[in-house]
């Protein structure tokens, strides 16, 4: 099997046929499409079953554990292809994009994954002008270049449908972290970029369809960014930091960002008692790296005086000093 396309689906009955046609329109040979239903309450599963009855390249599974991570892992578990592509059911793929990425992996056996660009829009590909800044150039950088870039700036991170992986990649880095509700794809990207040979294809691969009314988007709008990032740091990046040999640059970036997020979370907590209790809770979650005494003392000061000026000194002066030392 050349390619396995894994498509998680939750209450996505109106997108099933469209997603199926998106893959077929790529004109790929020797592939399979794996749909994974994640407890849909509409007729998503029925729509998938209709496709599987008419096309034996379509299979389906059910994941009872809620979340994108478990659902993608279920598809990964059953994938037979040498190459893996994770597609989000409501997105769209640009013409011939998959063949371009397959060509890269076919002709560069040392490359373990390739990724391209994504376009965000609340409309479809036919209604969204495609930017003219793609060159189809292949850019190969030694690891951990892409991992450090994605870790340093989330603005440079693209979604799972921008990637094509060799199946062996997930034997090396593991699957999606099922403990994360948000950011499990970013966690995979960063681990991939830190440990694997990854190439960038300067081509638009897919259009990310923005749902402004989705539950996840509303949750992101209401939740401080630091609180969204903290679980990813504690449950994914911290174990990676402790268990693997890595560049000094990654260690510095990891501690700097971790300490930044630590301070930002504390000042958002209302009530002196709650702030001190929250501070102690956060420190207990990262006790394995033993934050220095000076940092812990200043965090208590921050909990006592949760002002932007106090946080500014902490972020711009104290954290860089501590990390450097």
Protein backbone atom coordinates (compact mmCIF):
# COMPACT_ATOMS: atom_id res chain seq x y z
CA UNK A 1 0.00 0.00 0.00
CA UNK A 2 1.48 3.33 -1.06
CA UNK A 3 -0.59 5.79 0.96
CA UNK A 4 -2.97 5.74 3.91
CA UNK A 5 -5.24 8.78 4.30
CA UNK A 6 -6.60 9.03 7.85
CA UNK A 7 -9.68 11.20 8.34
CA UNK A 8 -11.10 11.77 11.85
CA UNK A 9 -14.81 12.66 11.85
CA UNK A 10 -17.06 14.09 14.54
CA UNK A 11 -20.59 15.20 13.61
CA UNK A 12 -19.33 15.73 10.08
CA UNK A 13 -21.99 14.04 7.97
CA UNK A 14 -22.19 17.01 5.57
CA UNK A 15 -18.44 16.81 4.89
CA UNK A 16 -17.97 13.06 4.34
CA UNK A 17 -18.64 12.92 0.60
CA UNK A 18 -16.71 16.14 0.04
CA UNK A 19 -13.66 14.83 1.91
CA UNK A 20 -13.82 11.56 -0.04
CA UNK A 21 -13.90 13.43 -3.34
CA UNK A 22 -11.01 15.64 -2.21
CA UNK A 23 -8.80 12.57 -1.97
CA UNK A 24 -10.05 11.01 -5.19
CA UNK A 25 -9.44 14.23 -7.08
CA UNK A 26 -5.74 14.01 -6.21
CA UNK A 27 -5.47 11.20 -8.77
CA UNK A 28 -3.34 8.95 -6.59
CA UNK A 29 -2.82 5.25 -7.18
CA UNK A 30 -2.60 2.50 -4.55
CA UNK A 31 -4.14 4.21 -1.53
CA UNK A 32 -6.68 3.67 1.21
CA UNK A 33 -8.94 6.08 3.10
CA UNK A 34 -9.49 5.38 6.78
CA UNK A 35 -12.35 7.23 8.46
CA UNK A 36 -12.47 7.24 12.26
CA UNK A 37 -15.78 8.27 13.81
CA UNK A 38 -15.41 9.91 17.22
CA UNK A 39 -18.81 9.45 18.89
CA UNK A 40 -20.80 11.43 16.35
CA UNK A 41 -24.44 12.06 17.23
CA UNK A 42 -25.51 12.73 13.64
CA UNK A 43 -25.40 10.27 10.71
CA UNK A 44 -21.65 10.64 10.08
CA UNK A 45 -21.04 6.91 10.45
CA UNK A 46 -23.87 6.04 8.09
CA UNK A 47 -22.41 8.32 5.41
CA UNK A 48 -19.01 6.68 5.81
CA UNK A 49 -20.51 3.22 5.61
CA UNK A 50 -22.22 4.11 2.33
CA UNK A 51 -18.83 4.99 0.84
CA UNK A 52 -17.21 1.80 2.12
CA UNK A 53 -19.96 -0.28 0.47
CA UNK A 54 -19.20 1.21 -2.95
CA UNK A 55 -15.40 1.61 -2.66
CA UNK A 56 -13.28 -1.09 -1.00
CA UNK A 57 -10.47 1.41 -0.53
CA UNK A 58 -12.58 3.05 2.20
CA UNK A 59 -12.60 1.55 5.69
CA UNK A 60 -13.97 2.87 8.97
CA UNK A 61 -13.41 2.52 12.69
CA UNK A 62 -14.95 3.99 15.82
CA UNK A 63 -12.94 5.68 18.58
CA UNK A 64 -14.87 5.92 21.85
CA UNK A 65 -12.25 8.04 23.60
CA UNK A 66 -13.09 11.64 22.75
CA UNK A 67 -10.49 13.87 21.17
CA UNK A 68 -8.39 14.45 18.07
CA UNK A 69 -5.36 12.64 19.51
CA UNK A 70 -7.05 9.29 20.23
CA UNK A 71 -8.95 9.48 16.93
CA UNK A 72 -5.82 10.00 14.84
CA UNK A 73 -4.03 7.27 16.78
CA UNK A 74 -6.86 4.84 15.98
CA UNK A 75 -6.37 5.50 12.28
CA UNK A 76 -2.60 5.20 12.68
CA UNK A 77 -3.07 1.82 14.33
CA UNK A 78 -4.88 0.41 11.27
CA UNK A 79 -2.94 2.18 8.48
CA UNK A 80 -1.26 -0.11 5.92
CA UNK A 81 0.40 2.50 3.72
CA UNK A 82 4.11 3.27 3.51
CA UNK A 83 3.16 6.96 3.61
CA UNK A 84 0.66 8.54 6.00
CA UNK A 85 -1.53 11.58 5.48
CA UNK A 86 -3.84 13.00 8.15
CA UNK A 87 -6.70 14.96 6.64
CA UNK A 88 -9.30 16.99 8.53
CA UNK A 89 -12.74 16.18 7.21
CA UNK A 90 -13.88 19.77 6.62
CA UNK A 91 -10.72 21.04 4.92
CA UNK A 92 -9.78 21.00 1.22
CA UNK A 93 -6.63 19.94 -0.65
CA UNK A 94 -5.18 21.94 -3.52
CA UNK A 95 -4.95 20.11 -6.87
CA UNK A 96 -2.02 17.69 -7.20
CA UNK A 97 -0.67 18.65 -3.75
CA UNK A 98 -0.42 15.09 -2.47
CA UNK A 99 1.36 13.87 -5.58
CA UNK A 100 3.94 16.62 -5.14
CA UNK A 101 4.69 15.51 -1.58
CA UNK A 102 4.71 11.83 -2.58
CA UNK A 103 7.24 12.70 -5.29
CA UNK A 104 9.52 14.22 -2.64
CA UNK A 105 9.50 11.12 -0.43
CA UNK A 106 9.85 8.82 -3.45
CA UNK A 107 13.00 10.60 -4.63
CA UNK A 108 14.58 11.50 -1.29
CA UNK A 109 14.84 8.31 0.79
CA UNK A 110 16.68 10.16 3.57
CA UNK A 111 13.72 12.53 4.09
CA UNK A 112 11.31 11.16 6.70
CA UNK A 113 8.54 13.75 6.29
CA UNK A 114 7.68 16.65 4.02
CA UNK A 115 5.38 19.59 4.64
CA UNK A 116 4.02 22.55 2.72
CA UNK A 117 1.91 25.63 3.21
CA UNK A 118 -1.64 26.02 4.43
CA UNK A 119 -4.22 28.66 3.65
CA UNK A 120 -6.84 29.74 6.21
CA UNK A 121 -10.30 30.81 5.10
CA UNK A 122 -13.94 30.71 6.10
CA UNK A 123 -14.72 29.87 2.45
CA UNK A 124 -13.73 27.04 0.14
CA UNK A 125 -10.84 26.81 -2.30
CA UNK A 126 -13.01 27.88 -5.21
CA UNK A 127 -13.98 31.09 -3.39
CA UNK A 128 -10.58 31.87 -1.85
CA UNK A 129 -7.87 33.40 -4.06
CA UNK A 130 -4.72 31.34 -3.83
CA UNK A 131 -1.62 33.40 -2.91
CA UNK A 132 1.00 33.71 -5.62
CA UNK A 133 4.02 33.25 -3.37
CA UNK A 134 4.61 29.51 -3.90
CA UNK A 135 7.70 28.42 -5.80
CA UNK A 136 7.51 24.58 -5.56
CA UNK A 137 11.08 24.78 -4.26
CA UNK A 138 12.19 21.99 -1.92
CA UNK A 139 14.07 23.25 1.12
CA UNK A 140 16.00 20.69 3.15
CA UNK A 141 17.42 21.72 6.53
CA UNK A 142 19.33 19.54 8.99
CA UNK A 143 17.47 18.59 12.14
CA UNK A 144 16.56 20.13 14.51
CA UNK A 145 16.06 23.27 12.37
CA UNK A 146 12.30 22.91 11.87
CA UNK A 147 11.70 21.73 15.42
CA UNK A 148 13.43 24.79 16.86
CA UNK A 149 11.58 27.09 14.47
CA UNK A 150 8.15 25.69 15.35
CA UNK A 151 8.98 25.68 19.03
CA UNK A 152 10.11 29.31 18.89
CA UNK A 153 7.11 30.64 16.99
CA UNK A 154 3.68 29.02 16.78
CA UNK A 155 2.94 31.36 13.86
CA UNK A 156 5.14 29.12 11.71
CA UNK A 157 3.28 25.91 12.65
CA UNK A 158 1.00 24.37 10.03
CA UNK A 159 -1.76 21.80 10.57
CA UNK A 160 -1.51 18.00 10.10
CA UNK A 161 -2.91 18.08 6.52
CA UNK A 162 0.19 20.04 5.44
CA UNK A 163 2.40 17.00 6.19
CA UNK A 164 3.15 13.69 4.53
CA UNK A 165 5.01 11.17 6.70
CA UNK A 166 6.78 7.92 6.22
CA UNK A 167 5.03 5.39 8.43
CA UNK A 168 8.26 4.67 10.33
CA UNK A 169 8.23 8.23 11.69
CA UNK A 170 5.62 7.29 14.27
CA UNK A 171 7.66 4.29 15.40
CA UNK A 172 10.36 6.83 16.21
CA UNK A 173 8.38 9.67 17.79
CA UNK A 174 5.23 7.86 18.98
CA UNK A 175 1.67 8.86 18.24
CA UNK A 176 -0.43 11.83 19.29
CA UNK A 177 -0.48 12.64 23.00
CA UNK A 178 -3.96 11.62 24.12
CA UNK A 179 -3.64 13.58 27.36
CA UNK A 180 -3.78 16.85 25.42
CA UNK A 181 -7.12 18.36 24.47
CA UNK A 182 -5.51 21.15 22.46
CA UNK A 183 -2.08 21.33 20.84
CA UNK A 184 -1.44 17.62 20.29
CA UNK A 185 -0.68 18.27 16.61
CA UNK A 186 1.78 21.05 17.50
CA UNK A 187 3.46 18.67 19.96
CA UNK A 188 3.88 16.09 17.18
CA UNK A 189 5.26 18.72 14.79
CA UNK A 190 7.91 19.90 17.25
CA UNK A 191 8.99 16.37 18.20
CA UNK A 192 9.13 15.50 14.49
CA UNK A 193 11.26 18.53 13.68
CA UNK A 194 13.62 17.86 16.57
CA UNK A 195 14.26 14.20 15.79
CA UNK A 196 13.58 13.54 12.08
CA UNK A 197 14.81 14.70 8.69
CA UNK A 198 12.07 17.01 7.43
CA UNK A 199 11.83 18.91 4.15
CA UNK A 200 9.72 21.95 3.28
CA UNK A 201 7.97 22.13 -0.08
CA UNK A 202 7.11 25.73 -0.94
CA UNK A 203 3.65 24.80 -2.18
CA UNK A 204 0.13 25.32 -0.85
CA UNK A 205 -1.09 21.90 0.26
CA UNK A 206 -4.49 22.54 1.81
CA UNK A 207 -7.07 25.08 2.89
CA UNK A 208 -7.93 25.15 6.58
CA UNK A 209 -11.63 25.87 6.95
CA UNK A 210 -12.13 28.20 9.91
CA UNK A 211 -15.16 27.54 12.12
CA UNK A 212 -15.69 30.64 14.23
CA UNK A 213 -18.54 28.96 16.11
CA UNK A 214 -16.77 25.68 16.91
CA UNK A 215 -16.42 24.61 20.52
CA UNK A 216 -12.62 24.53 20.34
CA UNK A 217 -12.38 27.99 18.77
CA UNK A 218 -14.69 29.45 21.42
CA UNK A 219 -12.62 27.78 24.14
CA UNK A 220 -9.44 29.30 22.69
CA UNK A 221 -11.03 32.75 22.60
CA UNK A 222 -12.01 32.60 26.29
CA UNK A 223 -8.83 30.99 27.63
CA UNK A 224 -5.54 32.89 28.14
CA UNK A 225 -2.84 31.74 25.73
CA UNK A 226 -0.51 30.73 28.57
CA UNK A 227 -3.12 28.39 30.00
CA UNK A 228 -3.60 26.79 26.57
CA UNK A 229 0.13 26.19 26.18
CA UNK A 230 0.90 24.92 29.68
CA UNK A 231 -0.47 21.33 29.26
CA UNK A 232 1.56 20.90 26.08
CA UNK A 233 4.74 21.99 27.84
CA UNK A 234 4.18 19.82 30.91
CA UNK A 235 2.83 16.68 29.24
CA UNK A 236 4.87 16.71 26.03
CA UNK A 237 7.88 19.02 25.94
CA UNK A 238 9.01 18.42 29.53
CA UNK A 239 9.28 14.62 29.13
CA UNK A 240 11.06 15.12 25.79
CA UNK A 241 13.46 17.58 27.44
CA UNK A 242 14.26 15.15 30.25
CA UNK A 243 14.46 11.93 28.25
CA UNK A 244 16.38 12.95 25.12
CA UNK A 245 19.70 14.40 24.20
CA UNK A 246 19.04 17.72 22.51
CA UNK A 247 20.68 20.90 21.34
CA UNK A 248 21.63 23.44 24.02
CA UNK A 249 19.51 25.94 22.09
CA UNK A 250 16.40 23.82 22.65
CA UNK A 251 17.10 23.56 26.38
CA UNK A 252 17.39 27.33 26.67
CA UNK A 253 14.27 27.97 24.61
CA UNK A 254 12.34 25.36 26.59
CA UNK A 255 13.19 26.83 30.01
CA UNK A 256 12.65 30.41 28.86
CA UNK A 257 9.20 29.68 27.44
CA UNK A 258 8.23 27.44 30.35
CA UNK A 259 9.12 30.12 32.91
CA UNK A 260 7.34 32.81 30.87
CA UNK A 261 4.14 30.77 30.77
CA UNK A 262 4.47 30.00 34.47
CA UNK A 263 4.45 33.68 35.43
CA UNK A 264 1.72 34.68 33.00
CA UNK A 265 -0.64 32.08 34.39
CA UNK A 266 -0.25 33.20 37.98
CA UNK A 267 -1.30 36.81 37.43
CA UNK A 268 -4.51 35.72 35.69
CA UNK A 269 -5.73 33.96 38.84
CA UNK A 270 -8.05 36.10 40.95
CA UNK A 271 -7.61 36.16 44.72
CA UNK A 272 -4.38 36.12 46.75
CA UNK A 273 -4.96 32.70 48.31
CA UNK A 274 -5.88 31.17 44.96
CA UNK A 275 -2.79 32.64 43.30
CA UNK A 276 -0.44 31.16 45.90
CA UNK A 277 -2.16 27.78 45.73
CA UNK A 278 -2.05 27.88 41.92
CA UNK A 279 1.63 28.84 41.97
CA UNK A 280 2.42 25.84 44.19
CA UNK A 281 0.39 23.56 41.94
CA UNK A 282 2.22 24.72 38.81
CA UNK A 283 5.62 24.33 40.47
CA UNK A 284 4.74 20.81 41.59
CA UNK A 285 3.98 19.89 37.97
CA UNK A 286 7.53 20.81 36.89
CA UNK A 287 9.43 19.76 40.02
CA UNK A 288 11.47 17.33 37.93
CA UNK A 289 13.52 20.22 36.53
CA UNK A 290 13.95 21.93 39.93
CA UNK A 291 13.26 25.61 39.13
CA UNK A 292 15.92 27.74 40.86
CA UNK A 293 15.26 29.38 44.22
CA UNK A 294 15.41 32.93 42.83
CA UNK A 295 12.66 32.11 40.35
CA UNK A 296 10.45 30.55 43.01
CA UNK A 297 10.91 33.55 45.31
CA UNK A 298 9.96 35.98 42.56
CA UNK A 299 6.90 33.91 41.64
CA UNK A 300 5.69 34.39 45.21
CA UNK A 301 6.28 38.11 44.78
CA UNK A 302 4.30 37.95 41.53
CA UNK A 303 1.45 36.17 43.27
CA UNK A 304 1.47 38.89 45.92
CA UNK A 305 1.62 41.76 43.42
CA UNK A 306 0.00 40.57 40.13
CA UNK A 307 0.75 43.72 38.15
CA UNK A 308 1.86 43.99 34.54
CA UNK A 309 5.00 45.92 35.56
CA UNK A 310 6.02 43.10 37.93
CA UNK A 311 5.40 40.52 35.20
CA UNK A 312 7.34 42.62 32.69
CA UNK A 313 10.43 42.64 34.91
CA UNK A 314 10.05 38.90 35.44
CA UNK A 315 9.71 38.13 31.72
CA UNK A 316 12.22 40.55 30.21
CA UNK A 317 14.96 40.60 32.83
CA UNK A 318 14.74 37.86 35.45
CA UNK A 319 13.90 34.86 33.23
CA UNK A 320 16.68 35.57 30.64
CA UNK A 321 19.15 36.06 33.50
CA UNK A 322 18.19 32.77 35.16
CA UNK A 323 18.25 30.80 31.90
CA UNK A 324 21.64 32.23 30.98
CA UNK A 325 23.06 31.30 34.38
